[in-house]
Amino acid sequence: MEQLSEINSNIQLLIVDDEMIVRESLGNWLKEEGYDVDTADSGLAALENMKSKKYDLVVADVKMPGMDGIQLLEKCKKWDPDLQVLVMTAYASVDTAVQAMKQGAFDYIVKPFDPENVTQIIKRALKFKLLEKENILLRKELEKKYGIDEIIGKSKKMEEVFDLIRTVADSEAVVMIRGESGTGKELIAKAIHANSKRKYGPLVALSCGALPETLLESELFGYEKGAFTGAQYSRKGRIEMADGGTLFLDEIGDISAKTQVDLLRVLQEKTIHHLGSSKPIKIDVRIVSATNRDLEKAVKSGAFREDLYYRLNVVCINVPPLRDRKEDIPLLLNHFLKKFSIENGKAVAGFSGDAMEILIAYPWPGNVRELENVVEHAVVVCKGDEIMPGNLPDNVKREIRTAEEEPAPVPKSLEESEKMHIVKILEENEWNISRTAKDLGIDRVTLYNKIKKYNIER
């Protein structure tokens, strides 16, 4: 942050007092400190000054004929909400000070005052104003960085995801994000937080699958000194750290049965206990979880608690795999190309037609994360201004060659052929029964019967 001593000459102060000796003595002192100071002998005169000049801080006496300091404070805040105001009073009245603070004054000064003390209060007020400006810029940067617009995609499936993010973000609903590894579930969790009422609170993330049960419990709930061997001091857990904000639990399907019980209690009672303590701690946290597992199957097998599943799955956002939104691949390729060209100091302009064709045809089992790694590899090894097929990793080129060399399997029977054809048309129509039946030239009842006959599942 720029030091106040370096910018005092750019700080505009206005001193308002009906006593000339106060205006002159305080004004001269602050000018010696390097501030640009104007004075006014009344509230009305101060408002006239403010019409032609923008001030950073106003120091106003409370007791003045006509418009008093409290009235001036109110008008100043309406005129410029960011303006810092200090009030002066010859009466050490708590009531006057409280009224001024309620109206938006930063602080108050009691006459007779020590100029050094006044200078310190002014510095605090100006520093607070600078911090407020920085916070506003940081908040805007956060919203920009993790806004919905920063998630790349124009496909119909991604538009549905964006709509759901916008709908759910401003609520307090618990959200579960479902999708394969590498589809960008954490980015969606960040977008939900950044567009929510909690966006100025913390966003705390924890990958549940990366930790053993005992370590996960201490990370989630925190612990007291001596709670276990090696606990030499007390520590907050991730849930407590996220108080007032959002807790993102990735790989939620990997938590143990005991941790499931503890997490269910948090959702039900809104309290936690540190390990080694029975004292309840109230928490205000929104939980967003993510998983690439089939939790319905885990519930049926008893591996995941049904009651916890329903608590976590209030709103579900399904993130499509990259292979199901191929129209987004060129957008993602160009986004990461720009990113890694800048990072590596290279002027790579784009992809050749052959390279783009290979990348669009590739099935992307690792989804967006894999695509990002492939582009970084290609940029690093590229020696020209265009990514060529030879710059792509061997596994990408090998996958495409194998797919081209191996002919599609031929159905062994007419029934198998019919089943494959029905599945293909269902997927093309996104399982719209009416459209599929029309394309197949059959009625809806016949289509339903064939789906049942061939055990076709979505």
Protein backbone atom coordinates (compact mmCIF):
# COMPACT_ATOMS: atom_id res chain seq x y z
CA MET A 1 0.00 0.00 0.00
CA GLU A 2 1.29 3.50 -0.76
CA GLN A 3 2.49 5.18 2.42
CA LEU A 4 0.40 8.09 3.70
CA SER A 5 3.51 10.27 4.15
CA GLU A 6 4.13 10.02 0.42
CA ILE A 7 0.65 11.14 -0.59
CA ASN A 8 -0.20 13.77 2.06
CA SER A 9 0.17 16.54 -0.52
CA ASN A 10 -2.63 14.94 -2.54
CA ILE A 11 -4.98 14.60 0.46
CA GLN A 12 -7.66 17.30 0.55
CA LEU A 13 -8.85 18.30 4.05
CA LEU A 14 -11.61 20.72 5.02
CA ILE A 15 -11.76 22.23 8.55
CA VAL A 16 -15.14 23.65 9.56
CA ASP A 17 -15.38 25.79 12.74
CA ASP A 18 -16.95 29.13 13.57
CA GLU A 19 -13.90 30.09 15.68
CA MET A 20 -11.09 31.60 13.60
CA ILE A 21 -8.36 30.59 16.07
CA VAL A 22 -9.34 26.91 15.77
CA ARG A 23 -9.43 27.05 11.96
CA GLU A 24 -6.06 28.78 11.72
CA SER A 25 -4.19 26.81 14.39
CA LEU A 26 -5.40 23.38 13.24
CA GLY A 27 -5.14 24.32 9.55
CA ASN A 28 -1.53 25.54 9.90
CA TRP A 29 -0.55 22.41 11.84
CA LEU A 30 -1.99 20.09 9.19
CA LYS A 31 -0.40 22.11 6.36
CA GLU A 32 2.97 21.58 8.07
CA GLU A 33 2.18 17.86 8.00
CA GLY A 34 1.93 18.17 4.22
CA TYR A 35 -1.85 18.12 3.72
CA ASP A 36 -3.76 20.42 1.37
CA VAL A 37 -6.11 22.24 3.78
CA ASP A 38 -9.12 24.50 3.23
CA THR A 39 -11.24 26.10 5.95
CA ALA A 40 -14.87 27.17 6.31
CA ASP A 41 -16.55 29.18 9.10
CA SER A 42 -19.96 27.47 8.85
CA GLY A 43 -21.77 24.40 7.62
CA LEU A 44 -23.23 26.29 4.64
CA ALA A 45 -19.79 27.60 3.65
CA ALA A 46 -18.43 24.05 3.86
CA LEU A 47 -21.13 22.78 1.49
CA GLU A 48 -20.27 25.56 -0.97
CA ASN A 49 -16.62 24.45 -0.89
CA MET A 50 -17.69 20.86 -1.56
CA LYS A 51 -19.52 21.89 -4.73
CA SER A 52 -16.25 22.92 -6.38
CA LYS A 53 -13.76 20.55 -4.75
CA LYS A 54 -13.64 16.89 -3.70
CA TYR A 55 -12.33 16.35 -0.17
CA ASP A 56 -10.94 13.21 1.42
CA LEU A 57 -11.75 14.22 4.99
CA VAL A 58 -13.77 16.88 6.81
CA VAL A 59 -13.09 17.99 10.40
CA ALA A 60 -16.20 19.78 11.69
CA ASP A 61 -17.13 21.41 15.01
CA VAL A 62 -20.38 20.14 16.53
CA LYS A 63 -21.54 23.45 18.04
CA MET A 64 -21.92 26.03 15.25
CA PRO A 65 -24.61 28.67 14.61
CA GLY A 66 -27.06 27.75 11.88
CA MET A 67 -26.14 24.28 10.61
CA ASP A 68 -24.40 22.32 13.38
CA GLY A 69 -21.77 19.61 12.93
CA ILE A 70 -24.23 16.70 13.12
CA GLN A 71 -26.41 18.23 10.39
CA LEU A 72 -23.33 18.91 8.27
CA LEU A 73 -22.17 15.31 8.80
CA GLU A 74 -25.52 14.00 7.52
CA LYS A 75 -25.36 16.21 4.41
CA CYS A 76 -21.70 15.28 3.78
CA LYS A 77 -22.55 11.56 3.81
CA LYS A 78 -25.43 12.10 1.38
CA TRP A 79 -23.14 14.18 -0.84
CA ASP A 80 -20.26 11.67 -0.79
CA PRO A 81 -20.73 8.36 1.11
CA ASP A 82 -16.95 7.68 0.94
CA LEU A 83 -16.05 10.99 2.62
CA GLN A 84 -14.48 10.56 6.05
CA VAL A 85 -15.74 12.97 8.74
CA LEU A 86 -14.33 13.79 12.18
CA VAL A 87 -16.34 15.90 14.62
CA MET A 88 -14.95 18.27 17.27
CA THR A 89 -16.70 19.21 20.48
CA ALA A 90 -15.78 21.33 23.45
CA TYR A 91 -18.08 19.17 25.53
CA ALA A 92 -16.88 15.70 26.41
CA SER A 93 -20.37 14.42 25.80
CA VAL A 94 -20.78 10.71 25.22
CA ASP A 95 -24.23 11.32 23.76
CA THR A 96 -22.84 13.72 21.16
CA ALA A 97 -20.08 11.26 20.23
CA VAL A 98 -22.51 8.34 19.93
CA GLN A 99 -24.89 10.38 17.78
CA ALA A 100 -22.02 11.41 15.50
CA MET A 101 -20.79 7.81 15.14
CA LYS A 102 -24.31 6.61 14.36
CA GLN A 103 -24.54 9.23 11.60
CA GLY A 104 -21.34 7.89 10.07
CA ALA A 105 -18.52 9.90 11.67
CA PHE A 106 -15.21 8.05 11.76
CA ASP A 107 -14.25 9.43 15.17
CA TYR A 108 -14.60 12.52 17.41
CA ILE A 109 -12.14 14.99 18.97
CA VAL A 110 -12.63 16.70 22.31
CA LYS A 111 -11.49 20.33 22.67
CA PRO A 112 -8.98 21.49 23.75
CA PHE A 113 -7.11 18.94 21.65
CA ASP A 114 -3.51 17.88 21.19
CA PRO A 115 -2.47 18.47 17.53
CA GLU A 116 -0.40 15.27 17.59
CA ASN A 117 -3.46 13.29 18.66
CA VAL A 118 -5.56 14.93 15.91
CA THR A 119 -2.89 14.02 13.35
CA GLN A 120 -2.94 10.36 14.42
CA ILE A 121 -6.75 10.21 14.21
CA ILE A 122 -6.66 11.76 10.72
CA LYS A 123 -4.05 9.24 9.61
CA ARG A 124 -6.22 6.38 10.90
CA ALA A 125 -9.26 7.75 9.07
CA LEU A 126 -7.35 8.12 5.79
CA LYS A 127 -5.77 4.68 6.15
CA PHE A 128 -9.21 3.18 6.75
CA LYS A 129 -10.46 4.90 3.57
CA LEU A 130 -7.55 3.47 1.55
CA LEU A 131 -8.23 -0.01 2.95
CA GLU A 132 -11.90 0.30 1.98
CA LYS A 133 -10.88 1.18 -1.58
CA GLU A 134 -8.49 -1.77 -1.69
CA ASN A 135 -11.20 -4.12 -0.39
CA ILE A 136 -13.62 -2.92 -3.07
CA LEU A 137 -11.00 -3.58 -5.76
CA LEU A 138 -10.20 -7.01 -4.29
CA ARG A 139 -13.90 -7.90 -4.17
CA LYS A 140 -14.34 -6.86 -7.80
CA GLU A 141 -11.28 -8.89 -8.74
CA LEU A 142 -12.65 -11.92 -6.86
CA GLU A 143 -16.01 -11.61 -8.61
CA LYS A 144 -14.27 -11.27 -11.97
CA LYS A 145 -11.90 -14.16 -11.34
CA TYR A 146 -14.55 -16.60 -10.20
CA GLY A 147 -17.60 -15.17 -11.93
CA ILE A 148 -19.80 -17.33 -14.11
CA ASP A 149 -18.42 -15.54 -17.16
CA GLU A 150 -14.99 -16.96 -16.36
CA ILE A 151 -16.22 -20.55 -16.79
CA ILE A 152 -15.70 -21.33 -20.44
CA GLY A 153 -18.51 -22.89 -22.40
CA LYS A 154 -21.30 -22.06 -24.82
CA SER A 155 -22.84 -25.50 -25.26
CA LYS A 156 -26.45 -26.10 -24.30
CA LYS A 157 -25.39 -28.36 -21.43
CA MET A 158 -23.07 -25.73 -19.96
CA GLU A 159 -25.72 -23.01 -20.35
CA GLU A 160 -27.97 -25.20 -18.19
CA VAL A 161 -25.18 -25.38 -15.59
CA PHE A 162 -24.75 -21.58 -15.68
CA ASP A 163 -28.49 -21.05 -15.20
CA LEU A 164 -28.48 -23.35 -12.18
CA ILE A 165 -25.45 -21.59 -10.66
CA ARG A 166 -27.22 -18.22 -10.99
CA THR A 167 -30.40 -19.65 -9.47
CA VAL A 168 -28.79 -21.37 -6.50
CA ALA A 169 -25.93 -18.95 -5.72
CA ASP A 170 -27.97 -16.34 -3.89
CA SER A 171 -29.81 -18.91 -1.77
CA GLU A 172 -28.56 -20.68 1.35
CA ALA A 173 -29.23 -24.15 -0.11
CA VAL A 174 -26.66 -26.92 0.32
CA VAL A 175 -25.28 -27.84 -3.10
CA MET A 176 -23.74 -31.02 -4.47
CA ILE A 177 -21.69 -30.85 -7.68
CA ARG A 178 -21.52 -34.12 -9.62
CA GLY A 179 -19.17 -34.90 -12.45
CA GLU A 180 -16.13 -36.83 -13.61
CA SER A 181 -12.62 -35.90 -12.48
CA GLY A 182 -11.26 -32.84 -14.25
CA THR A 183 -14.61 -31.33 -15.28
CA GLY A 184 -14.12 -28.19 -13.19
CA LYS A 185 -16.24 -28.89 -10.11
CA GLU A 186 -14.12 -26.69 -7.85
CA LEU A 187 -14.37 -23.79 -10.32
CA ILE A 188 -18.17 -24.08 -10.13
CA ALA A 189 -18.02 -24.11 -6.31
CA LYS A 190 -15.98 -20.89 -6.43
CA ALA A 191 -18.49 -19.33 -8.83
CA ILE A 192 -21.36 -20.22 -6.47
CA HIS A 193 -19.53 -18.59 -3.54
CA ALA A 194 -18.45 -15.50 -5.53
CA ASN A 195 -22.03 -14.85 -6.63
CA SER A 196 -23.62 -15.49 -3.23
CA LYS A 197 -24.47 -13.29 -0.25
CA ARG A 198 -21.46 -14.88 1.45
CA LYS A 199 -18.97 -13.72 -1.20
CA TYR A 200 -17.17 -11.42 1.26
CA GLY A 201 -16.78 -14.27 3.73
CA PRO A 202 -14.14 -17.00 3.45
CA LEU A 203 -14.21 -19.84 0.93
CA VAL A 204 -12.44 -22.81 2.51
CA ALA A 205 -11.76 -25.95 0.47
CA LEU A 206 -10.81 -29.45 1.62
CA SER A 207 -10.20 -32.57 -0.45
CA CYS A 208 -11.66 -35.37 1.64
CA GLY A 209 -10.21 -38.21 -0.42
CA ALA A 210 -6.62 -37.06 0.11
CA LEU A 211 -6.61 -37.55 3.90
CA PRO A 212 -6.88 -40.59 6.23
CA GLU A 213 -9.84 -40.61 8.64
CA THR A 214 -8.03 -39.34 11.75
CA LEU A 215 -6.34 -36.47 9.91
CA LEU A 216 -9.56 -35.57 8.09
CA GLU A 217 -11.42 -35.28 11.42
CA SER A 218 -8.82 -32.92 12.89
CA GLU A 219 -8.77 -30.88 9.67
CA LEU A 220 -12.55 -30.58 9.64
CA PHE A 221 -13.32 -29.98 13.31
CA GLY A 222 -10.09 -28.67 14.81
CA TYR A 223 -8.63 -29.82 18.11
CA GLU A 224 -7.59 -28.75 21.58
CA LYS A 225 -4.06 -28.88 22.94
CA GLY A 226 -3.32 -32.43 24.11
CA ALA A 227 -6.26 -33.98 22.24
CA PHE A 228 -3.88 -36.52 20.72
CA THR A 229 -0.17 -37.23 20.52
CA GLY A 230 1.52 -34.31 18.80
CA ALA A 231 -1.29 -31.80 19.47
CA GLN A 232 0.96 -29.20 21.11
CA TYR A 233 -1.48 -26.34 20.60
CA SER A 234 -5.17 -25.76 19.87
CA ARG A 235 -6.21 -25.29 16.26
CA LYS A 236 -9.34 -24.33 14.37
CA GLY A 237 -10.74 -26.77 11.83
CA ARG A 238 -11.79 -25.97 8.26
CA ILE A 239 -15.49 -25.75 9.23
CA GLU A 240 -14.76 -23.10 11.83
CA MET A 241 -12.44 -21.25 9.43
CA ALA A 242 -15.31 -21.05 6.94
CA ASP A 243 -17.68 -19.43 9.46
CA GLY A 244 -19.72 -16.76 7.67
CA GLY A 245 -18.69 -18.14 4.29
CA THR A 246 -18.63 -21.35 2.27
CA LEU A 247 -17.01 -24.73 2.93
CA PHE A 248 -16.20 -26.74 -0.21
CA LEU A 249 -15.79 -30.47 0.45
CA ASP A 250 -14.34 -32.21 -2.58
CA GLU A 251 -14.51 -36.01 -2.99
CA ILE A 252 -17.26 -36.18 -0.36
CA GLY A 253 -18.03 -39.78 -1.35
CA ASP A 254 -14.71 -40.91 0.15
CA ILE A 255 -15.36 -39.98 3.81
CA SER A 256 -15.58 -42.72 6.44
CA ALA A 257 -18.73 -43.83 8.24
CA LYS A 258 -17.71 -42.00 11.45
CA THR A 259 -16.98 -38.75 9.61
CA GLN A 260 -20.36 -39.08 7.88
CA VAL A 261 -22.07 -39.15 11.29
CA ASP A 262 -20.08 -36.11 12.51
CA LEU A 263 -20.82 -34.14 9.34
CA LEU A 264 -24.53 -34.97 9.56
CA ARG A 265 -24.55 -33.55 13.09
CA VAL A 266 -22.99 -30.32 11.79
CA LEU A 267 -25.71 -29.98 9.16
CA GLN A 268 -28.48 -30.67 11.65
CA GLU A 269 -27.30 -28.73 14.72
CA LYS A 270 -25.07 -26.00 13.18
CA THR A 271 -22.46 -26.69 15.87
CA ILE A 272 -19.07 -28.40 16.03
CA HIS A 273 -16.82 -29.74 18.79
CA HIS A 274 -13.04 -29.56 18.72
CA LEU A 275 -11.37 -32.94 19.16
CA GLY A 276 -10.64 -33.21 22.87
CA SER A 277 -13.45 -30.86 23.92
CA SER A 278 -17.17 -31.19 24.67
CA LYS A 279 -17.82 -27.45 24.33
CA PRO A 280 -20.15 -26.75 21.36
CA ILE A 281 -19.14 -24.01 18.91
CA LYS A 282 -21.88 -22.35 16.85
CA ILE A 283 -21.07 -22.06 13.16
CA ASP A 284 -22.71 -20.35 10.19
CA VAL A 285 -21.42 -22.16 7.13
CA ARG A 286 -22.83 -23.04 3.72
CA ILE A 287 -21.63 -26.42 2.52
CA VAL A 288 -20.95 -27.16 -1.14
CA SER A 289 -19.72 -30.67 -1.86
CA ALA A 290 -18.48 -32.47 -4.95
CA THR A 291 -18.01 -36.06 -6.01
CA ASN A 292 -17.26 -38.19 -9.04
CA ARG A 293 -18.71 -41.30 -7.37
CA ASP A 294 -22.11 -42.92 -7.83
CA LEU A 295 -23.51 -42.00 -4.42
CA GLU A 296 -26.90 -43.61 -5.09
CA LYS A 297 -25.09 -46.92 -5.54
CA ALA A 298 -23.05 -46.24 -2.38
CA VAL A 299 -26.27 -45.56 -0.44
CA LYS A 300 -27.81 -48.83 -1.62
CA SER A 301 -24.69 -50.77 -0.61
CA GLY A 302 -24.58 -49.07 2.80
CA ALA A 303 -21.24 -47.35 2.13
CA PHE A 304 -22.80 -43.89 2.36
CA ARG A 305 -25.50 -42.77 4.81
CA GLU A 306 -28.86 -42.13 3.15
CA ASP A 307 -29.77 -39.29 5.55
CA LEU A 308 -26.46 -37.50 4.88
CA TYR A 309 -26.90 -37.99 1.13
CA TYR A 310 -30.25 -36.19 1.19
CA ARG A 311 -28.81 -33.42 3.39
CA LEU A 312 -25.97 -32.80 0.94
CA ASN A 313 -27.94 -33.31 -2.26
CA VAL A 314 -30.54 -30.53 -1.75
CA VAL A 315 -29.56 -28.96 -5.09
CA CYS A 316 -27.52 -31.03 -7.54
CA ILE A 317 -25.44 -29.57 -10.36
CA ASN A 318 -24.33 -32.16 -12.91
CA VAL A 319 -21.23 -31.08 -14.82
CA PRO A 320 -21.09 -32.74 -18.25
CA PRO A 321 -17.88 -34.47 -19.37
CA LEU A 322 -15.94 -32.70 -22.10
CA ARG A 323 -16.73 -35.40 -24.66
CA ASP A 324 -20.43 -34.48 -24.34
CA ARG A 325 -19.83 -30.80 -25.13
CA LYS A 326 -17.38 -30.89 -28.01
CA GLU A 327 -18.46 -27.44 -29.22
CA ASP A 328 -16.69 -26.04 -26.14
CA ILE A 329 -13.35 -27.67 -27.01
CA PRO A 330 -12.13 -24.93 -29.45
CA LEU A 331 -12.97 -22.24 -26.86
CA LEU A 332 -11.03 -24.05 -24.15
CA LEU A 333 -8.09 -24.75 -26.48
CA ASN A 334 -7.74 -21.07 -27.41
CA HIS A 335 -8.16 -19.95 -23.78
CA PHE A 336 -5.33 -22.18 -22.55
CA LEU A 337 -3.22 -21.39 -25.64
CA LYS A 338 -3.25 -17.67 -24.70
CA LYS A 339 -2.52 -18.48 -21.06
CA PHE A 340 0.49 -20.71 -21.70
CA SER A 341 1.85 -18.59 -24.57
CA ILE A 342 2.08 -15.65 -22.15
CA GLU A 343 3.52 -17.77 -19.34
CA ASN A 344 6.21 -19.23 -21.61
CA GLY A 345 6.94 -16.01 -23.50
CA LYS A 346 5.95 -17.49 -26.87
CA ALA A 347 3.99 -16.00 -29.76
CA VAL A 348 1.91 -19.07 -30.65
CA ALA A 349 -1.04 -17.80 -32.68
CA GLY A 350 -3.25 -20.90 -32.90
CA PHE A 351 -3.68 -24.52 -33.98
CA SER A 352 -3.27 -25.96 -37.44
CA GLY A 353 -6.37 -27.48 -39.04
CA ASP A 354 -5.05 -31.02 -38.56
CA ALA A 355 -4.12 -30.42 -34.92
CA MET A 356 -7.54 -28.92 -34.16
CA GLU A 357 -9.25 -31.87 -35.86
CA ILE A 358 -7.28 -34.34 -33.73
CA LEU A 359 -8.04 -32.44 -30.51
CA ILE A 360 -11.76 -32.23 -31.21
CA ALA A 361 -11.93 -35.95 -32.07
CA TYR A 362 -9.99 -36.98 -28.93
CA PRO A 363 -12.34 -38.38 -26.19
CA TRP A 364 -10.71 -36.45 -23.29
CA PRO A 365 -11.01 -39.03 -20.48
CA GLY A 366 -9.35 -36.51 -18.14
CA ASN A 367 -11.74 -33.73 -19.23
CA VAL A 368 -10.77 -30.04 -18.98
CA ARG A 369 -7.81 -30.75 -16.69
CA GLU A 370 -6.31 -33.08 -19.29
CA LEU A 371 -6.99 -30.58 -22.07
CA GLU A 372 -5.14 -27.88 -20.12
CA ASN A 373 -2.12 -30.16 -19.67
CA VAL A 374 -2.12 -31.10 -23.37
CA VAL A 375 -2.13 -27.45 -24.44
CA GLU A 376 0.68 -26.59 -22.02
CA HIS A 377 2.76 -29.48 -23.43
CA ALA A 378 2.07 -28.37 -27.00
CA VAL A 379 3.03 -24.74 -26.33
CA VAL A 380 6.26 -25.71 -24.56
CA VAL A 381 7.48 -27.97 -27.41
CA CYS A 382 6.15 -25.80 -30.25
CA LYS A 383 8.95 -24.11 -32.27
CA GLY A 384 6.76 -22.17 -34.68
CA ASP A 385 3.78 -19.86 -34.43
CA GLU A 386 1.21 -22.63 -34.78
CA ILE A 387 0.51 -25.86 -32.90
CA MET A 388 1.03 -28.80 -35.27
CA PRO A 389 0.03 -32.47 -34.79
CA GLY A 390 3.67 -33.25 -33.99
CA ASN A 391 3.49 -30.96 -30.95
CA LEU A 392 0.73 -33.01 -29.33
CA PRO A 393 1.48 -35.67 -26.67
CA ASP A 394 1.92 -39.22 -27.98
CA ASN A 395 -1.10 -40.60 -26.12
CA VAL A 396 -3.43 -38.14 -27.92
CA LYS A 397 -2.08 -39.04 -31.37
CA ARG A 398 -2.06 -42.76 -30.51
CA GLU A 399 -5.72 -42.67 -29.39
CA ILE A 400 -6.79 -41.08 -32.68
CA ARG A 401 -4.74 -43.53 -34.79
CA THR A 402 -6.16 -46.51 -32.88
CA ALA A 403 -9.71 -45.26 -33.34
CA GLU A 404 -9.14 -44.80 -37.07
CA GLU A 405 -7.52 -48.22 -37.49
CA GLU A 406 -10.09 -50.23 -35.54
CA PRO A 407 -13.42 -50.64 -37.34
CA ALA A 408 -16.58 -50.21 -35.35
CA PRO A 409 -17.91 -53.51 -33.95
CA VAL A 410 -20.58 -55.11 -36.11
CA PRO A 411 -23.75 -56.23 -34.27
CA LYS A 412 -24.13 -60.03 -34.18
CA SER A 413 -27.91 -60.04 -34.41
CA LEU A 414 -30.78 -57.90 -35.69
CA GLU A 415 -31.97 -57.31 -32.13
CA GLU A 416 -28.54 -56.03 -31.10
CA SER A 417 -28.47 -53.82 -34.18
CA GLU A 418 -31.92 -52.43 -33.33
CA LYS A 419 -30.89 -51.79 -29.71
CA MET A 420 -27.74 -49.92 -30.78
CA HIS A 421 -29.74 -47.80 -33.21
CA ILE A 422 -32.39 -46.91 -30.60
CA VAL A 423 -29.68 -45.95 -28.08
CA LYS A 424 -27.98 -43.75 -30.70
CA ILE A 425 -31.20 -41.87 -31.57
CA LEU A 426 -32.15 -41.50 -27.88
CA GLU A 427 -28.76 -39.92 -27.12
CA GLU A 428 -28.96 -37.62 -30.14
CA ASN A 429 -32.33 -36.39 -28.87
CA GLU A 430 -31.12 -36.22 -25.23
CA TRP A 431 -33.71 -38.86 -24.32
CA ASN A 432 -36.67 -36.89 -25.60
CA ILE A 433 -39.11 -39.77 -26.11
CA SER A 434 -41.46 -37.95 -28.50
CA ARG A 435 -38.68 -36.80 -30.85
CA THR A 436 -36.95 -40.18 -30.74
CA ALA A 437 -40.17 -42.07 -31.56
CA LYS A 438 -40.81 -39.69 -34.47
CA ASP A 439 -37.26 -40.15 -35.84
CA LEU A 440 -37.59 -43.95 -35.57
CA GLY A 441 -41.00 -43.90 -37.25
CA ILE A 442 -42.78 -45.58 -34.33
CA ASP A 443 -45.19 -44.44 -31.62
CA ARG A 444 -44.22 -43.64 -28.03
CA VAL A 445 -45.75 -46.86 -26.59
CA THR A 446 -43.74 -49.01 -29.00
CA LEU A 447 -40.57 -47.11 -28.09
CA TYR A 448 -41.22 -47.58 -24.36
CA ASN A 449 -41.74 -51.32 -24.92
CA LYS A 450 -38.46 -51.61 -26.83
CA ILE A 451 -36.57 -49.67 -24.14
CA LYS A 452 -37.97 -52.11 -21.57
CA LYS A 453 -37.29 -55.13 -23.77
CA TYR A 454 -33.63 -54.23 -24.35
CA ASN A 455 -33.04 -52.96 -20.75
CA ILE A 456 -31.89 -49.62 -22.10
CA GLU A 457 -30.94 -47.25 -19.28
CA ARG A 458 -30.15 -43.58 -19.48
